[in-house]
Amino acid sequence: MAEGKKIVALVVAAGSGTRAGGGGVPKQYRRLGGKAVLAHAVDHLRRAGASDIRVVIGPGQEALYAEAVGDRPLPPPVLGGSERRISVLNGLEAIAEDGGADIVLIHDAARPFVSLDLWERVVAAVEDRELAVPALDSIDTTARGRDTLGPAVDRSDLLRVQTPQGFRFDLIHAAHRAWAGGEATDDAQIARAAGHKVAVVRGDPRLEKLTYEEDFARAEALLAARMVSRTGLGFDVHAFADGEALWLGGVLIPHERGLKGHSDADVGLHAVTDALLGALGAGDIGTHFPPSDPQWRGAPSSRFVEHARALVEARGGRIDHVDLTLICESPKIGPHRDAIRARIAALLQVPEARISIKATTTERLGFTGRGEGIAAQAVATVRLEEDEA
């Protein structure tokens, strides 16, 4: 489909709407299933087949944008304007400056769950008819009025228009440049005003716009239904050494000896990191933080755990539970259990109820029984979006 053609997805994320709450954060940056709504939109577009994605953001949203997209390979964002049509035009102009495109799909970030089927329907219709939008039938009784119900409206030919809306790039670019009608509700309106006929393809109920709090609750339920559980196991060992500090589970423990290792040798956090990486199928701690790399010498192991947590978030995942067992004759873990639990919960940004800390000995057997070091074992349970699993 569209072989040899340049297709660009233009994501409009410049709004400042906060009607759904979210602590005053614009809805495209609000967290949904562990990551920002905008990140979901970008990831779903990528999975649907978009290889070239441009994002338009509002002035002053640079920090929110950077946090939302993380290290996803995207061009620098385009700054939008005070109205949606200005933001879209700015995005189209940026695409034109980069050499243009054959087809552009203009998409609202507040509709994050674009599917492959929907993407292919829109692209195929654009190839055939030059301009196309997805839409759903209006199935509810529709009437005029606000506080008092007015007369019913014939819904037989009414449609609920969605995005992404697809256009031949040069046509919609010219239509936006020529528009002089004030604010437009969508890009199809601008195309029609320029004299173009816009084809309609079957939309997707999952693309309902996120506007109110109940919309986010619905989206959370949709995500939960599509998630699968993954379990990872982590195990690590470090020997005692004189002159070292003893870090366990992110907490500095008073002890006559510490653990020897390339980083701060926090055996507990190393096991937790490996458990999370295992649940993701993302290798092990040595893959991400090679002991041969001098930048990790003496590094706090909290950085490793935060990296693993960020990988879970980038995959749209949730950390459901972490169970850590520390194996040693000394020090006694009991007095420090609550502090370790609180620290790991903070690093993973989950409630303490999702963290379990246990301690045991090997009944004086083996290297831990001889007091030569400490071992740790961790199990992590995460949920990932099904089409990522």
Protein backbone atom coordinates (compact mmCIF):
# COMPACT_ATOMS: atom_id res chain seq x y z
CA MET A 1 0.00 0.00 0.00
CA ALA A 2 1.26 3.47 -1.00
CA GLU A 3 4.49 1.83 -2.08
CA GLY A 4 7.21 4.35 -2.80
CA LYS A 5 5.16 7.26 -1.48
CA LYS A 6 6.18 9.50 1.39
CA ILE A 7 3.52 9.41 4.09
CA VAL A 8 3.80 11.71 7.11
CA ALA A 9 1.71 11.51 10.26
CA LEU A 10 1.15 14.99 11.73
CA VAL A 11 0.13 14.76 15.40
CA VAL A 12 -1.59 17.83 16.79
CA ALA A 13 -0.73 18.13 20.50
CA ALA A 14 -0.77 21.87 21.05
CA GLY A 15 -3.94 22.19 23.11
CA SER A 16 -4.08 23.34 26.71
CA GLY A 17 -7.36 21.65 27.63
CA THR A 18 -7.61 20.27 31.17
CA ARG A 19 -11.35 19.50 31.42
CA ALA A 20 -10.50 15.93 32.41
CA GLY A 21 -8.57 17.10 35.46
CA GLY A 22 -5.06 15.70 35.68
CA GLY A 23 -3.74 18.38 38.01
CA GLY A 24 -3.81 21.15 35.41
CA VAL A 25 -1.66 19.20 32.91
CA PRO A 26 -2.94 19.36 29.30
CA LYS A 27 -4.67 16.09 28.51
CA GLN A 28 -2.13 15.03 25.86
CA TYR A 29 0.52 14.91 28.59
CA ARG A 30 -1.63 13.23 31.22
CA ARG A 31 -0.54 9.71 32.20
CA LEU A 32 -2.58 6.82 30.83
CA GLY A 33 -1.51 3.29 31.72
CA GLY A 34 1.93 4.44 32.80
CA LYS A 35 2.80 6.84 29.98
CA ALA A 36 1.56 10.09 28.47
CA VAL A 37 -1.41 10.13 26.11
CA LEU A 38 0.86 11.68 23.46
CA ALA A 39 3.32 8.79 23.83
CA HIS A 40 0.47 6.33 23.26
CA ALA A 41 -0.54 8.21 20.11
CA VAL A 42 3.01 8.19 18.73
CA ASP A 43 3.56 4.52 19.59
CA HIS A 44 0.28 3.39 18.06
CA LEU A 45 0.94 5.38 14.89
CA ARG A 46 4.39 3.80 14.67
CA ARG A 47 2.94 0.31 15.05
CA ALA A 48 0.26 1.09 12.47
CA GLY A 49 2.93 1.88 9.90
CA ALA A 50 3.87 5.53 10.31
CA SER A 51 7.62 5.85 9.80
CA ASP A 52 7.65 9.66 9.61
CA ILE A 53 5.89 11.38 12.52
CA ARG A 54 5.83 15.13 13.22
CA VAL A 55 4.34 16.55 16.42
CA VAL A 56 2.95 20.05 16.91
CA ILE A 57 3.05 21.33 20.50
CA GLY A 58 1.96 24.50 22.22
CA PRO A 59 4.38 27.27 23.22
CA GLY A 60 5.79 26.56 26.66
CA GLN A 61 5.12 22.82 26.41
CA GLU A 62 8.68 21.87 25.49
CA ALA A 63 9.50 20.29 28.85
CA LEU A 64 6.23 18.37 28.98
CA TYR A 65 6.83 17.12 25.45
CA ALA A 66 10.39 16.00 26.18
CA GLU A 67 9.24 14.06 29.24
CA ALA A 68 6.34 12.48 27.34
CA VAL A 69 8.25 11.20 24.30
CA GLY A 70 11.49 10.29 26.08
CA ASP A 71 14.07 8.90 23.68
CA ARG A 72 11.64 8.07 20.87
CA PRO A 73 13.31 8.95 17.54
CA LEU A 74 11.28 11.99 16.48
CA PRO A 75 12.20 15.23 14.70
CA PRO A 76 12.13 18.39 16.83
CA PRO A 77 8.54 19.40 17.61
CA VAL A 78 6.80 22.17 15.67
CA LEU A 79 5.38 25.06 17.70
CA GLY A 80 1.66 25.58 17.19
CA GLY A 81 -0.56 28.60 17.56
CA SER A 82 -3.56 29.82 19.52
CA GLU A 83 -6.01 27.85 17.37
CA ARG A 84 -5.94 24.29 16.09
CA ARG A 85 -5.95 25.29 12.42
CA ILE A 86 -2.88 27.50 12.99
CA SER A 87 -1.11 24.59 14.67
CA VAL A 88 -1.93 22.31 11.74
CA LEU A 89 -0.78 24.91 9.22
CA ASN A 90 2.50 25.33 11.10
CA GLY A 91 2.96 21.57 10.96
CA LEU A 92 2.20 21.45 7.23
CA GLU A 93 4.64 24.28 6.59
CA ALA A 94 7.34 22.38 8.52
CA ILE A 95 6.70 19.28 6.40
CA ALA A 96 6.91 21.40 3.24
CA GLU A 97 10.24 22.82 4.39
CA ASP A 98 11.52 19.27 4.83
CA GLY A 99 10.68 18.36 1.25
CA GLY A 100 6.94 17.84 1.51
CA ALA A 101 5.09 14.55 1.32
CA ASP A 102 2.75 12.61 -0.92
CA ILE A 103 0.20 11.87 1.79
CA VAL A 104 -0.31 13.41 5.22
CA LEU A 105 -2.45 11.94 7.97
CA ILE A 106 -3.44 14.64 10.47
CA HIS A 107 -4.20 13.22 13.88
CA ASP A 108 -5.29 14.54 17.27
CA ALA A 109 -3.12 13.32 20.14
CA ALA A 110 -6.27 13.00 22.28
CA ARG A 111 -7.28 9.98 20.17
CA PRO A 112 -4.30 7.77 21.03
CA PHE A 113 -5.33 4.26 19.94
CA VAL A 114 -4.81 4.19 16.16
CA SER A 115 -4.94 0.66 14.77
CA LEU A 116 -3.22 -0.83 11.74
CA ASP A 117 -6.59 -1.54 10.10
CA LEU A 118 -7.74 2.07 10.48
CA TRP A 119 -4.44 3.42 9.16
CA GLU A 120 -4.63 1.18 6.10
CA ARG A 121 -8.25 2.13 5.40
CA VAL A 122 -7.46 5.84 5.44
CA VAL A 123 -4.30 5.53 3.32
CA ALA A 124 -6.08 3.33 0.73
CA ALA A 125 -8.94 5.83 0.49
CA VAL A 126 -6.53 8.74 0.00
CA GLU A 127 -4.80 6.87 -2.79
CA ASP A 128 -8.17 6.33 -4.45
CA ARG A 129 -10.01 9.56 -3.61
CA GLU A 130 -7.23 11.99 -2.51
CA LEU A 131 -8.94 12.99 0.77
CA ALA A 132 -10.51 10.71 3.40
CA VAL A 133 -11.71 10.73 7.01
CA PRO A 134 -12.75 7.94 9.37
CA ALA A 135 -16.20 8.27 10.88
CA LEU A 136 -18.76 6.35 12.93
CA ASP A 137 -22.53 6.31 12.51
CA SER A 138 -24.53 8.38 14.98
CA ILE A 139 -26.46 5.63 16.79
CA ASP A 140 -28.02 7.65 19.61
CA THR A 141 -31.13 9.77 19.36
CA THR A 142 -29.91 13.26 18.49
CA ALA A 143 -31.81 16.38 19.45
CA ARG A 144 -31.31 20.12 19.62
CA GLY A 145 -31.25 21.96 22.92
CA ARG A 146 -29.13 22.48 26.00
CA ASP A 147 -30.99 22.79 29.30
CA THR A 148 -34.30 21.83 27.72
CA LEU A 149 -34.64 19.07 25.12
CA GLY A 150 -35.58 20.38 21.71
CA PRO A 151 -36.75 18.63 18.54
CA ALA A 152 -35.04 15.44 17.42
CA VAL A 153 -32.68 15.57 14.46
CA ASP A 154 -32.73 12.93 11.75
CA ARG A 155 -29.55 10.94 12.39
CA SER A 156 -29.73 8.71 9.31
CA ASP A 157 -27.03 10.69 7.55
CA LEU A 158 -25.15 12.03 10.60
CA LEU A 159 -21.58 10.91 11.22
CA ARG A 160 -19.15 11.25 14.14
CA VAL A 161 -15.92 12.28 12.43
CA GLN A 162 -12.60 11.07 13.84
CA THR A 163 -8.90 11.34 13.10
CA PRO A 164 -6.43 10.56 11.59
CA GLN A 165 -7.76 12.34 8.54
CA GLY A 166 -5.82 11.62 5.36
CA PHE A 167 -5.09 14.00 2.50
CA ARG A 168 -2.94 14.39 -0.52
CA PHE A 169 -0.37 16.72 0.96
CA ASP A 170 -0.37 19.44 -1.67
CA LEU A 171 -4.18 19.71 -1.61
CA ILE A 172 -4.59 20.12 2.15
CA HIS A 173 -1.53 22.38 2.38
CA ALA A 174 -3.02 24.72 -0.22
CA ALA A 175 -6.46 24.55 1.40
CA HIS A 176 -5.05 25.58 4.78
CA ARG A 177 -3.12 28.45 3.23
CA ALA A 178 -6.28 29.67 1.49
CA TRP A 179 -8.60 29.29 4.49
CA ALA A 180 -10.23 32.52 5.65
CA GLY A 181 -13.22 31.26 7.58
CA GLY A 182 -12.13 31.61 11.19
CA GLU A 183 -11.66 28.62 13.45
CA ALA A 184 -12.37 25.21 11.89
CA THR A 185 -13.49 22.13 13.79
CA ASP A 186 -11.34 19.80 11.71
CA ASP A 187 -9.22 19.63 8.56
CA ALA A 188 -11.93 18.04 6.45
CA GLN A 189 -13.95 21.25 6.89
CA ILE A 190 -11.04 23.23 5.46
CA ALA A 191 -10.70 20.79 2.56
CA ARG A 192 -14.42 21.04 1.73
CA ALA A 193 -14.25 24.83 1.80
CA ALA A 194 -11.55 24.61 -0.86
CA GLY A 195 -13.94 22.65 -3.10
CA HIS A 196 -12.69 19.13 -2.42
CA LYS A 197 -14.87 16.08 -1.81
CA VAL A 198 -13.80 14.05 1.19
CA ALA A 199 -14.33 10.30 1.22
CA VAL A 200 -15.55 8.56 4.39
CA VAL A 201 -14.12 5.29 5.71
CA ARG A 202 -15.25 3.20 8.66
CA GLY A 203 -13.93 4.60 11.91
CA ASP A 204 -12.97 2.85 15.13
CA PRO A 205 -14.77 3.09 18.51
CA ARG A 206 -11.35 2.98 20.21
CA LEU A 207 -10.63 6.39 18.69
CA GLU A 208 -13.19 8.24 20.76
CA LYS A 209 -11.64 11.52 21.88
CA LEU A 210 -10.36 11.88 25.44
CA THR A 211 -12.01 14.96 26.88
CA TYR A 212 -13.62 14.27 30.24
CA GLU A 213 -12.65 12.22 33.28
CA GLU A 214 -14.96 9.37 32.27
CA ASP A 215 -13.14 9.20 28.92
CA PHE A 216 -9.87 8.51 30.73
CA ALA A 217 -11.56 5.85 32.86
CA ARG A 218 -12.80 4.18 29.67
CA ALA A 219 -9.34 4.37 28.12
CA GLU A 220 -7.74 2.86 31.23
CA ALA A 221 -10.21 -0.03 31.06
CA LEU A 222 -9.45 -0.51 27.37
CA LEU A 223 -5.74 -0.65 28.08
CA ALA A 224 -6.19 -3.06 30.98
CA ALA A 225 -8.16 -5.43 28.77
CA ARG A 226 -5.33 -5.50 26.23
CA MET A 227 -2.54 -6.12 28.72
CA VAL A 228 -0.79 -9.40 29.46
CA SER A 229 1.25 -10.26 32.55
CA ARG A 230 4.98 -10.94 32.36
CA THR A 231 7.19 -12.22 35.17
CA GLY A 232 10.96 -11.76 35.45
CA LEU A 233 13.50 -13.28 37.83
CA GLY A 234 16.65 -11.50 39.02
CA PHE A 235 19.55 -12.93 41.00
CA ASP A 236 22.80 -11.28 42.09
CA VAL A 237 25.75 -11.92 44.38
CA HIS A 238 28.44 -9.62 45.80
CA ALA A 239 31.31 -10.37 48.15
CA PHE A 240 32.08 -8.40 51.28
CA ALA A 241 35.10 -6.09 51.19
CA ASP A 242 36.77 -3.87 53.76
CA GLY A 243 36.59 -0.13 53.30
CA GLU A 244 33.31 -0.18 51.33
CA ALA A 245 29.89 1.24 52.24
CA LEU A 246 27.04 -1.25 52.42
CA TRP A 247 24.07 -0.34 50.25
CA LEU A 248 21.07 -2.66 50.26
CA GLY A 249 17.85 -1.85 48.46
CA GLY A 250 18.88 1.76 48.03
CA VAL A 251 19.50 2.25 51.76
CA LEU A 252 22.89 2.83 53.42
CA ILE A 253 23.20 0.15 56.11
CA PRO A 254 25.62 0.58 59.05
CA HIS A 255 28.02 -2.39 58.91
CA GLU A 256 31.70 -3.12 59.39
CA ARG A 257 32.08 -4.14 55.74
CA GLY A 258 30.46 -3.24 52.47
CA LEU A 259 30.04 -5.07 49.19
CA LYS A 260 32.53 -5.11 46.35
CA GLY A 261 31.44 -4.29 42.83
CA HIS A 262 31.85 -1.97 39.88
CA SER A 263 28.92 0.26 40.91
CA ASP A 264 27.90 0.73 44.54
CA ALA A 265 27.36 -3.08 44.56
CA ASP A 266 23.78 -2.85 45.82
CA VAL A 267 22.93 -6.52 45.41
CA GLY A 268 19.24 -5.93 46.13
CA LEU A 269 18.72 -3.25 43.50
CA HIS A 270 20.74 -5.26 40.98
CA ALA A 271 18.39 -8.21 41.45
CA VAL A 272 15.33 -5.95 41.10
CA THR A 273 16.76 -4.41 37.92
CA ASP A 274 17.38 -7.83 36.38
CA ALA A 275 13.89 -8.99 37.33
CA LEU A 276 12.31 -6.02 35.54
CA LEU A 277 14.54 -6.44 32.50
CA GLY A 278 13.66 -10.12 32.43
CA ALA A 279 9.94 -9.36 32.46
CA LEU A 280 10.50 -7.11 29.45
CA GLY A 281 12.72 -9.61 27.65
CA ALA A 282 15.30 -6.83 27.53
CA GLY A 283 18.52 -8.63 28.46
CA ASP A 284 20.26 -8.19 31.78
CA ILE A 285 21.92 -5.48 33.80
CA GLY A 286 25.30 -6.12 32.19
CA THR A 287 23.79 -5.50 28.75
CA HIS A 288 22.60 -2.04 29.74
CA PHE A 289 25.41 -1.11 32.15
CA PRO A 290 28.59 -3.00 31.14
CA PRO A 291 31.05 -3.43 34.02
CA SER A 292 33.82 -2.57 31.55
CA ASP A 293 32.41 0.94 31.10
CA PRO A 294 34.17 3.31 33.54
CA GLN A 295 31.16 5.64 33.76
CA TRP A 296 29.41 3.10 35.99
CA ARG A 297 32.29 2.81 38.49
CA GLY A 298 30.82 3.65 41.87
CA ALA A 299 27.48 4.65 40.28
CA PRO A 300 24.38 4.47 42.51
CA SER A 301 22.35 1.41 41.62
CA SER A 302 19.21 3.53 41.88
CA ARG A 303 20.03 4.68 38.34
CA PHE A 304 19.79 1.09 37.12
CA VAL A 305 16.37 0.59 38.70
CA GLU A 306 15.09 3.90 37.32
CA HIS A 307 16.32 2.90 33.86
CA ALA A 308 14.44 -0.39 34.06
CA ARG A 309 11.31 1.42 35.26
CA ALA A 310 11.57 3.84 32.33
CA LEU A 311 11.77 0.90 29.92
CA VAL A 312 8.57 -0.51 31.38
CA GLU A 313 6.86 2.87 31.01
CA ALA A 314 8.10 3.25 27.42
CA ARG A 315 6.40 -0.03 26.60
CA GLY A 316 3.13 1.20 28.08
CA GLY A 317 3.60 -1.22 30.96
CA ARG A 318 2.71 -1.26 34.64
CA ILE A 319 4.70 -2.67 37.51
CA ASP A 320 2.28 -4.77 39.53
CA HIS A 321 4.58 -6.27 42.16
CA VAL A 322 8.22 -6.77 43.14
CA ASP A 323 9.29 -9.41 45.67
CA LEU A 324 12.91 -9.11 46.87
CA THR A 325 14.67 -11.67 49.10
CA LEU A 326 18.03 -10.80 50.66
CA ILE A 327 20.15 -13.82 51.65
CA CYS A 328 22.81 -13.24 54.30
CA GLU A 329 23.91 -14.03 57.86
CA SER A 330 24.55 -10.36 58.59
CA PRO A 331 23.53 -7.61 58.78
CA LYS A 332 20.06 -8.20 60.15
CA ILE A 333 17.58 -6.97 57.54
CA GLY A 334 14.56 -6.64 59.84
CA PRO A 335 15.43 -3.20 61.27
CA HIS A 336 15.88 -1.82 57.73
CA ARG A 337 13.01 -3.62 55.98
CA ASP A 338 10.57 -0.68 55.99
CA ALA A 339 13.20 1.78 54.74
CA ILE A 340 14.22 -0.55 51.91
CA ARG A 341 10.60 -1.12 50.94
CA ALA A 342 9.89 2.61 50.90
CA ARG A 343 13.01 3.36 48.85
CA ILE A 344 12.29 0.75 46.17
CA ALA A 345 8.66 1.87 45.95
CA ALA A 346 9.84 5.45 45.43
CA LEU A 347 12.32 4.41 42.73
CA LEU A 348 9.64 2.43 40.89
CA GLN A 349 6.96 5.07 41.52
CA VAL A 350 4.49 2.53 42.87
CA PRO A 351 2.68 2.20 46.23
CA GLU A 352 4.62 0.43 48.96
CA ALA A 353 1.92 -2.25 49.00
CA ARG A 354 3.34 -3.50 45.69
CA ILE A 355 6.78 -4.13 47.18
CA SER A 356 7.72 -7.11 49.34
CA ILE A 357 11.04 -7.37 51.19
CA LYS A 358 12.10 -10.65 52.78
CA ALA A 359 15.31 -11.92 54.34
CA THR A 360 16.65 -15.40 54.95
CA THR A 361 19.88 -17.27 55.67
CA THR A 362 21.40 -20.45 54.30
CA GLU A 363 21.77 -22.01 57.77
CA ARG A 364 25.51 -21.29 57.78
CA LEU A 365 25.97 -23.16 54.50
CA GLY A 366 27.82 -21.82 51.45
CA PHE A 367 29.50 -18.47 50.95
CA THR A 368 26.64 -16.47 52.48
CA GLY A 369 26.58 -18.85 55.44
CA ARG A 370 30.30 -18.26 55.94
CA GLY A 371 29.70 -14.51 55.91
CA GLU A 372 31.64 -13.97 52.69
CA GLY A 373 28.94 -11.96 50.91
CA ILE A 374 25.26 -11.36 50.25
CA ALA A 375 22.95 -12.81 47.60
CA ALA A 376 19.62 -11.44 46.43
CA GLN A 377 16.75 -12.82 44.44
CA ALA A 378 13.88 -10.76 43.01
CA VAL A 379 10.69 -11.52 41.13
CA ALA A 380 8.91 -8.75 39.22
CA THR A 381 5.44 -8.91 37.69
CA VAL A 382 4.59 -6.34 35.03
CA ARG A 383 1.78 -5.91 32.54
CA LEU A 384 2.44 -4.92 28.94
CA GLU A 385 0.17 -3.98 26.06
CA GLU A 386 -0.69 -7.16 24.19
CA ASP A 387 0.52 -6.01 20.79
CA GLU A 388 3.88 -5.18 22.38
CA ALA A 389 4.22 -8.56 24.07
